[in-house]
Amino acid sequence: AAFLNKRRKRLSLMVTRNALARLEERGITVDCPIEMVEPRQIDHRVGGDAVHQGVLLTARALDPLDLDDLGDARLVLALDQVTDPHNVGAILRSAVALGADGLITTTRHSPQESGVLAKAASGAVDLLPHAEVTNLSKALEALKRQGFTCVALDSAGEGRLEDVVIADRVALVLGAEGKGVRPGVRATCDTVARLDMPGAITSLNVSNAAVLAMYVLRNKLVG
């Protein structure tokens, strides 16, 4: 995905012979300097716990987009101070799989693009348009003027997500684990909804909650 993204500035590639052959089989043209290495050399760079599959690309982080760059998006995610790169990466991966059209994060209290985040996202960093804003409440107000229904997800929400009435465009707002969506951001949203859990544990990891919520909202948009 990083090689197919025209916005990505690629600097260098450490790669094993077998991994390079797999890239070439997929029709990937490597347009940066290549260093042929053994797997242990990549292990040394990224740590023994990282599953690198014989490839390490060094690249510049993508410049974030403006809110207006999301264009005709119908389903977007807005993350309110979700800072864990593993969670954000997993959310990105799920967002692409479920057909979301964009991601909105704040300039502060959001993880920067990194190898950890990109690995968790499994290519989604280069596939999902990402807009960065300084004030999430103002950004949601702008989305509402564009016809979006803004839905905050909270385990104590007043209604079930399945019952929320949405317009033809929807923004799903997710907060950090523990504190959730901040009160000011929540007040900007059209509604605060919950995912009912029938088991003994009534809340989910934010990345898992994002999957279920996007699935529900995508079905409502299609329906």
C-alpha atoms as a PDB file:
ATOM      1  CA  ALA A   1       0.000   0.000   0.000  1.00  0.00           C
ATOM      2  CA  ALA A   2       2.841   2.404   0.800  1.00  0.00           C
ATOM      3  CA  PHE A   3       4.365   1.847  -2.648  1.00  0.00           C
ATOM      4  CA  LEU A   4       1.035   2.389  -4.411  1.00  0.00           C
ATOM      5  CA  ASN A   5       0.272   5.630  -2.558  1.00  0.00           C
ATOM      6  CA  LYS A   6       1.306   8.590  -4.728  1.00  0.00           C
ATOM      7  CA  ARG A   7       1.330  10.887  -1.680  1.00  0.00           C
ATOM      8  CA  ARG A   8       3.905   8.737   0.130  1.00  0.00           C
ATOM      9  CA  LYS A   9       7.568   9.783  -0.011  1.00  0.00           C
ATOM     10  CA  ARG A  10       9.617   6.586   0.125  1.00  0.00           C
ATOM     11  CA  LEU A  11      13.254   6.894   1.237  1.00  0.00           C
ATOM     12  CA  SER A  12      14.841   3.435   1.440  1.00  0.00           C
ATOM     13  CA  LEU A  13      13.993  -0.248   1.615  1.00  0.00           C
ATOM     14  CA  MET A  14      15.643  -2.989   3.636  1.00  0.00           C
ATOM     15  CA  VAL A  15      14.447  -6.281   2.212  1.00  0.00           C
ATOM     16  CA  THR A  16      15.336  -9.948   2.048  1.00  0.00           C
ATOM     17  CA  ARG A  17      15.748 -11.610  -1.327  1.00  0.00           C
ATOM     18  CA  ASN A  18      12.580 -13.690  -0.899  1.00  0.00           C
ATOM     19  CA  ALA A  19      10.519 -10.702   0.219  1.00  0.00           C
ATOM     20  CA  LEU A  20      11.667  -8.634  -2.748  1.00  0.00           C
ATOM     21  CA  ALA A  21      10.603 -11.459  -5.046  1.00  0.00           C
ATOM     22  CA  ARG A  22       7.142 -11.439  -3.436  1.00  0.00           C
ATOM     23  CA  LEU A  23       6.841  -7.688  -3.999  1.00  0.00           C
ATOM     24  CA  GLU A  24       7.820  -8.102  -7.630  1.00  0.00           C
ATOM     25  CA  GLU A  25       5.253 -10.894  -8.044  1.00  0.00           C
ATOM     26  CA  ARG A  26       2.605  -8.378  -6.941  1.00  0.00           C
ATOM     27  CA  GLY A  27       3.755  -5.924  -9.582  1.00  0.00           C
ATOM     28  CA  ILE A  28       5.280  -3.484  -7.087  1.00  0.00           C
ATOM     29  CA  THR A  29       7.931  -1.177  -8.521  1.00  0.00           C
ATOM     30  CA  VAL A  30      10.473  -0.211  -5.865  1.00  0.00           C
ATOM     31  CA  ASP A  31      11.321   3.441  -6.512  1.00  0.00           C
ATOM     32  CA  CYS A  32      13.784   4.009  -3.667  1.00  0.00           C
ATOM     33  CA  PRO A  33      17.267   2.688  -2.789  1.00  0.00           C
ATOM     34  CA  ILE A  34      17.282  -1.022  -1.899  1.00  0.00           C
ATOM     35  CA  GLU A  35      19.487  -2.727   0.682  1.00  0.00           C
ATOM     36  CA  MET A  36      19.440  -6.512   0.473  1.00  0.00           C
ATOM     37  CA  VAL A  37      19.681  -7.941   3.989  1.00  0.00           C
ATOM     38  CA  GLU A  38      19.189 -11.040   6.086  1.00  0.00           C
ATOM     39  CA  PRO A  39      16.107 -11.201   8.376  1.00  0.00           C
ATOM     40  CA  ARG A  40      18.218 -10.734  11.504  1.00  0.00           C
ATOM     41  CA  GLN A  41      19.363  -7.318  10.254  1.00  0.00           C
ATOM     42  CA  ILE A  42      15.750  -6.145  10.154  1.00  0.00           C
ATOM     43  CA  ASP A  43      15.225  -7.768  13.569  1.00  0.00           C
ATOM     44  CA  HIS A  44      18.010  -5.568  14.888  1.00  0.00           C
ATOM     45  CA  ARG A  45      16.311  -2.412  13.553  1.00  0.00           C
ATOM     46  CA  VAL A  46      12.718  -3.083  14.614  1.00  0.00           C
ATOM     47  CA  GLY A  47      13.096  -5.423  17.592  1.00  0.00           C
ATOM     48  CA  GLY A  48      12.655  -9.137  17.899  1.00  0.00           C
ATOM     49  CA  ASP A  49       8.926  -8.925  18.688  1.00  0.00           C
ATOM     50  CA  ALA A  50       8.016  -7.186  15.409  1.00  0.00           C
ATOM     51  CA  VAL A  51       6.750  -9.439  12.615  1.00  0.00           C
ATOM     52  CA  HIS A  52       8.335  -7.757   9.607  1.00  0.00           C
ATOM     53  CA  GLN A  53       8.042 -10.472   6.913  1.00  0.00           C
ATOM     54  CA  GLY A  54      11.420  -9.468   5.519  1.00  0.00           C
ATOM     55  CA  VAL A  55      10.539  -5.883   4.584  1.00  0.00           C
ATOM     56  CA  LEU A  56      11.342  -2.562   6.251  1.00  0.00           C
ATOM     57  CA  LEU A  57      10.426   0.596   4.354  1.00  0.00           C
ATOM     58  CA  THR A  58      11.683   3.946   5.605  1.00  0.00           C
ATOM     59  CA  ALA A  59       9.353   6.717   4.483  1.00  0.00           C
ATOM     60  CA  ARG A  60       8.186  10.188   5.406  1.00  0.00           C
ATOM     61  CA  ALA A  61       4.931  10.503   7.315  1.00  0.00           C
ATOM     62  CA  LEU A  62       1.970  11.567   5.210  1.00  0.00           C
ATOM     63  CA  ASP A  63       0.876  15.178   5.471  1.00  0.00           C
ATOM     64  CA  PRO A  64      -2.622  15.224   7.015  1.00  0.00           C
ATOM     65  CA  LEU A  65      -5.507  16.503   4.908  1.00  0.00           C
ATOM     66  CA  ASP A  66      -7.903  19.335   5.629  1.00  0.00           C
ATOM     67  CA  LEU A  67     -11.503  18.613   6.548  1.00  0.00           C
ATOM     68  CA  ASP A  68     -12.681  19.794   3.129  1.00  0.00           C
ATOM     69  CA  ASP A  69     -10.453  17.188   1.471  1.00  0.00           C
ATOM     70  CA  LEU A  70     -12.794  14.411   2.624  1.00  0.00           C
ATOM     71  CA  GLY A  71     -15.065  15.440  -0.240  1.00  0.00           C
ATOM     72  CA  ASP A  72     -18.193  13.332  -0.696  1.00  0.00           C
ATOM     73  CA  ALA A  73     -17.533  11.049   2.283  1.00  0.00           C
ATOM     74  CA  ARG A  74     -20.599   9.383   3.780  1.00  0.00           C
ATOM     75  CA  LEU A  75     -19.109   7.561   6.777  1.00  0.00           C
ATOM     76  CA  VAL A  76     -16.236   9.128   8.688  1.00  0.00           C
ATOM     77  CA  LEU A  77     -14.609   8.381  12.035  1.00  0.00           C
ATOM     78  CA  ALA A  78     -13.616  11.095  14.491  1.00  0.00           C
ATOM     79  CA  LEU A  79     -11.228  10.100  17.276  1.00  0.00           C
ATOM     80  CA  ASP A  80     -11.342  12.242  20.408  1.00  0.00           C
ATOM     81  CA  GLN A  81      -7.915  11.889  22.040  1.00  0.00           C
ATOM     82  CA  VAL A  82      -7.508   8.173  21.305  1.00  0.00           C
ATOM     83  CA  THR A  83      -3.746   7.991  21.767  1.00  0.00           C
ATOM     84  CA  ASP A  84      -2.726   4.318  21.715  1.00  0.00           C
ATOM     85  CA  PRO A  85      -1.103   3.616  18.302  1.00  0.00           C
ATOM     86  CA  HIS A  86      -2.161  -0.046  18.389  1.00  0.00           C
ATOM     87  CA  ASN A  87      -5.803   0.955  18.868  1.00  0.00           C
ATOM     88  CA  VAL A  88      -5.665   3.660  16.221  1.00  0.00           C
ATOM     89  CA  GLY A  89      -3.993   1.287  13.778  1.00  0.00           C
ATOM     90  CA  ALA A  90      -6.606  -1.390  14.409  1.00  0.00           C
ATOM     91  CA  ILE A  91      -9.386   1.190  13.948  1.00  0.00           C
ATOM     92  CA  LEU A  92      -7.866   2.257  10.630  1.00  0.00           C
ATOM     93  CA  ARG A  93      -7.693  -1.328   9.422  1.00  0.00           C
ATOM     94  CA  SER A  94     -11.328  -1.965  10.357  1.00  0.00           C
ATOM     95  CA  ALA A  95     -12.438   1.343   8.841  1.00  0.00           C
ATOM     96  CA  VAL A  96     -11.004   0.390   5.457  1.00  0.00           C
ATOM     97  CA  ALA A  97     -12.460  -3.122   5.670  1.00  0.00           C
ATOM     98  CA  LEU A  98     -15.925  -1.718   6.443  1.00  0.00           C
ATOM     99  CA  GLY A  99     -15.862   0.941   3.762  1.00  0.00           C
ATOM    100  CA  ALA A 100     -15.419   4.083   5.848  1.00  0.00           C
ATOM    101  CA  ASP A 101     -14.446   7.140   3.837  1.00  0.00           C
ATOM    102  CA  GLY A 102     -12.214   9.097   6.181  1.00  0.00           C
ATOM    103  CA  LEU A 103     -10.629   9.608   9.584  1.00  0.00           C
ATOM    104  CA  ILE A 104     -10.506  12.796  11.648  1.00  0.00           C
ATOM    105  CA  THR A 105      -8.063  13.285  14.506  1.00  0.00           C
ATOM    106  CA  THR A 106      -6.885  16.272  16.504  1.00  0.00           C
ATOM    107  CA  THR A 107      -3.498  17.922  16.167  1.00  0.00           C
ATOM    108  CA  ARG A 108      -2.809  17.342  19.862  1.00  0.00           C
ATOM    109  CA  HIS A 109      -3.391  14.177  21.899  1.00  0.00           C
ATOM    110  CA  SER A 110      -3.336  11.885  18.878  1.00  0.00           C
ATOM    111  CA  PRO A 111      -0.582   9.438  17.937  1.00  0.00           C
ATOM    112  CA  GLN A 112       1.786  10.416  15.172  1.00  0.00           C
ATOM    113  CA  GLU A 113       2.219   8.075  12.252  1.00  0.00           C
ATOM    114  CA  SER A 114       4.781   5.465  13.240  1.00  0.00           C
ATOM    115  CA  GLY A 115       5.914   1.975  12.405  1.00  0.00           C
ATOM    116  CA  VAL A 116       3.825   0.570  15.269  1.00  0.00           C
ATOM    117  CA  LEU A 117       0.677   2.321  14.060  1.00  0.00           C
ATOM    118  CA  ALA A 118       1.308   1.445  10.411  1.00  0.00           C
ATOM    119  CA  LYS A 119       1.915  -2.219  11.258  1.00  0.00           C
ATOM    120  CA  ALA A 120      -1.340  -2.437  13.232  1.00  0.00           C
ATOM    121  CA  ALA A 121      -3.175  -0.752  10.366  1.00  0.00           C
ATOM    122  CA  SER A 122      -1.985  -3.361   7.820  1.00  0.00           C
ATOM    123  CA  GLY A 123      -1.836  -0.879   4.944  1.00  0.00           C
ATOM    124  CA  ALA A 124      -4.811   1.264   5.959  1.00  0.00           C
ATOM    125  CA  VAL A 125      -2.565   4.259   6.742  1.00  0.00           C
ATOM    126  CA  ASP A 126      -2.078   4.607   2.987  1.00  0.00           C
ATOM    127  CA  LEU A 127      -5.670   3.772   2.058  1.00  0.00           C
ATOM    128  CA  LEU A 128      -7.900   5.869   4.343  1.00  0.00           C
ATOM    129  CA  PRO A 129      -7.954   9.674   3.913  1.00  0.00           C
ATOM    130  CA  HIS A 130      -6.912  11.293   7.194  1.00  0.00           C
ATOM    131  CA  ALA A 131      -7.835  14.849   8.136  1.00  0.00           C
ATOM    132  CA  GLU A 132      -6.326  16.619  11.133  1.00  0.00           C
ATOM    133  CA  VAL A 133      -8.118  19.432  12.987  1.00  0.00           C
ATOM    134  CA  THR A 134      -7.186  21.672  15.892  1.00  0.00           C
ATOM    135  CA  ASN A 135     -10.673  21.743  17.431  1.00  0.00           C
ATOM    136  CA  LEU A 136     -12.833  18.644  17.120  1.00  0.00           C
ATOM    137  CA  SER A 137     -16.048  20.360  18.249  1.00  0.00           C
ATOM    138  CA  LYS A 138     -15.728  23.006  15.539  1.00  0.00           C
ATOM    139  CA  ALA A 139     -14.942  20.295  12.981  1.00  0.00           C
ATOM    140  CA  LEU A 140     -18.114  18.417  13.933  1.00  0.00           C
ATOM    141  CA  GLU A 141     -20.122  21.619  13.625  1.00  0.00           C
ATOM    142  CA  ALA A 142     -18.734  22.009  10.113  1.00  0.00           C
ATOM    143  CA  LEU A 143     -19.695  18.418   9.287  1.00  0.00           C
ATOM    144  CA  LYS A 144     -23.235  19.021  10.558  1.00  0.00           C
ATOM    145  CA  ARG A 145     -23.542  21.979   8.189  1.00  0.00           C
ATOM    146  CA  GLN A 146     -22.558  19.601   5.384  1.00  0.00           C
ATOM    147  CA  GLY A 147     -25.413  17.237   6.255  1.00  0.00           C
ATOM    148  CA  PHE A 148     -23.676  14.810   8.597  1.00  0.00           C
ATOM    149  CA  THR A 149     -25.347  13.243  11.608  1.00  0.00           C
ATOM    150  CA  CYS A 150     -22.717  13.248  14.362  1.00  0.00           C
ATOM    151  CA  VAL A 151     -23.026  10.254  16.690  1.00  0.00           C
ATOM    152  CA  ALA A 152     -20.914   9.896  19.831  1.00  0.00           C
ATOM    153  CA  LEU A 153     -20.453   6.355  21.108  1.00  0.00           C
ATOM    154  CA  ASP A 154     -20.682   5.850  24.872  1.00  0.00           C
ATOM    155  CA  SER A 155     -21.597   2.845  27.006  1.00  0.00           C
ATOM    156  CA  ALA A 156     -23.995   5.128  28.909  1.00  0.00           C
ATOM    157  CA  GLY A 157     -25.618   6.563  25.789  1.00  0.00           C
ATOM    158  CA  GLU A 158     -29.325   7.375  25.951  1.00  0.00           C
ATOM    159  CA  GLY A 159     -30.282   5.080  23.092  1.00  0.00           C
ATOM    160  CA  ARG A 160     -29.095   2.019  21.202  1.00  0.00           C
ATOM    161  CA  LEU A 161     -26.972   2.696  18.143  1.00  0.00           C
ATOM    162  CA  GLU A 162     -29.281   0.445  16.122  1.00  0.00           C
ATOM    163  CA  ASP A 163     -32.187   2.816  16.856  1.00  0.00           C
ATOM    164  CA  VAL A 164     -30.450   6.093  15.995  1.00  0.00           C
ATOM    165  CA  VAL A 165     -31.965   7.952  13.058  1.00  0.00           C
ATOM    166  CA  ILE A 166     -29.194   9.194  10.767  1.00  0.00           C
ATOM    167  CA  ALA A 167     -29.001  11.298   7.639  1.00  0.00           C
ATOM    168  CA  ASP A 168     -27.331  10.190   4.418  1.00  0.00           C
ATOM    169  CA  ARG A 169     -23.935  11.063   5.934  1.00  0.00           C
ATOM    170  CA  VAL A 170     -22.712  10.145   9.402  1.00  0.00           C
ATOM    171  CA  ALA A 171     -19.701  10.863  11.603  1.00  0.00           C
ATOM    172  CA  LEU A 172     -18.954   8.336  14.351  1.00  0.00           C
ATOM    173  CA  VAL A 173     -17.148   9.914  17.303  1.00  0.00           C
ATOM    174  CA  LEU A 174     -15.054   7.658  19.547  1.00  0.00           C
ATOM    175  CA  GLY A 175     -13.321   8.684  22.763  1.00  0.00           C
ATOM    176  CA  ALA A 176     -10.323   7.363  24.613  1.00  0.00           C
ATOM    177  CA  GLU A 177     -10.746   4.333  26.836  1.00  0.00           C
ATOM    178  CA  GLY A 178     -11.596   5.351  30.375  1.00  0.00           C
ATOM    179  CA  LYS A 179     -12.668   8.963  29.911  1.00  0.00           C
ATOM    180  CA  GLY A 180     -14.577   8.472  26.651  1.00  0.00           C
ATOM    181  CA  VAL A 181     -15.762  11.351  24.475  1.00  0.00           C
ATOM    182  CA  ARG A 182     -15.119  14.686  26.202  1.00  0.00           C
ATOM    183  CA  PRO A 183     -18.213  16.579  27.409  1.00  0.00           C
ATOM    184  CA  GLY A 184     -17.717  19.512  25.034  1.00  0.00           C
ATOM    185  CA  VAL A 185     -17.374  17.220  22.035  1.00  0.00           C
ATOM    186  CA  ARG A 186     -20.326  15.126  23.193  1.00  0.00           C
ATOM    187  CA  ALA A 187     -22.505  18.236  23.458  1.00  0.00           C
ATOM    188  CA  THR A 188     -21.718  19.073  19.831  1.00  0.00           C
ATOM    189  CA  CYS A 189     -22.945  15.692  18.592  1.00  0.00           C
ATOM    190  CA  ASP A 190     -26.536  15.129  17.484  1.00  0.00           C
ATOM    191  CA  THR A 191     -26.881  12.086  19.706  1.00  0.00           C
ATOM    192  CA  VAL A 192     -24.984   9.852  22.122  1.00  0.00           C
ATOM    193  CA  ALA A 193     -25.605   6.157  21.504  1.00  0.00           C
ATOM    194  CA  ARG A 194     -24.545   2.919  23.104  1.00  0.00           C
ATOM    195  CA  LEU A 195     -23.794  -0.640  22.049  1.00  0.00           C
ATOM    196  CA  ASP A 196     -25.734  -2.985  24.309  1.00  0.00           C
ATOM    197  CA  MET A 197     -23.608  -5.859  25.589  1.00  0.00           C
ATOM    198  CA  PRO A 198     -25.528  -8.900  26.875  1.00  0.00           C
ATOM    199  CA  GLY A 199     -22.608 -10.371  28.806  1.00  0.00           C
ATOM    200  CA  ALA A 200     -21.074  -9.710  32.213  1.00  0.00           C
ATOM    201  CA  ILE A 201     -18.611  -7.210  30.709  1.00  0.00           C
ATOM    202  CA  THR A 202     -20.553  -4.268  29.315  1.00  0.00           C
ATOM    203  CA  SER A 203     -17.816  -2.314  27.557  1.00  0.00           C
ATOM    204  CA  LEU A 204     -15.349  -3.047  24.775  1.00  0.00           C
ATOM    205  CA  ASN A 205     -11.869  -1.983  23.772  1.00  0.00           C
ATOM    206  CA  VAL A 206     -12.258   1.154  21.629  1.00  0.00           C
ATOM    207  CA  SER A 207     -11.020  -0.587  18.490  1.00  0.00           C
ATOM    208  CA  ASN A 208     -13.527  -3.423  18.928  1.00  0.00           C
ATOM    209  CA  ALA A 209     -16.338  -0.966  19.655  1.00  0.00           C
ATOM    210  CA  ALA A 210     -15.405   0.882  16.474  1.00  0.00           C
ATOM    211  CA  VAL A 211     -15.822  -2.290  14.401  1.00  0.00           C
ATOM    212  CA  LEU A 212     -19.313  -3.005  15.710  1.00  0.00           C
ATOM    213  CA  ALA A 213     -20.423   0.615  15.459  1.00  0.00           C
ATOM    214  CA  MET A 214     -19.180   1.014  11.898  1.00  0.00           C
ATOM    215  CA  TYR A 215     -20.890  -2.227  10.910  1.00  0.00           C
ATOM    216  CA  VAL A 216     -24.204  -0.986  12.317  1.00  0.00           C
ATOM    217  CA  LEU A 217     -23.916   2.438  10.703  1.00  0.00           C
ATOM    218  CA  ARG A 218     -22.770   1.065   7.338  1.00  0.00           C
ATOM    219  CA  ASN A 219     -25.828  -1.198   7.247  1.00  0.00           C
ATOM    220  CA  LYS A 220     -28.070   1.747   8.092  1.00  0.00           C
ATOM    221  CA  LEU A 221     -26.539   3.814   5.270  1.00  0.00           C
ATOM    222  CA  VAL A 222     -26.934   0.996   2.763  1.00  0.00           C
ATOM    223  CA  GLY A 223     -30.439   0.175   3.974  1.00  0.00           C
END
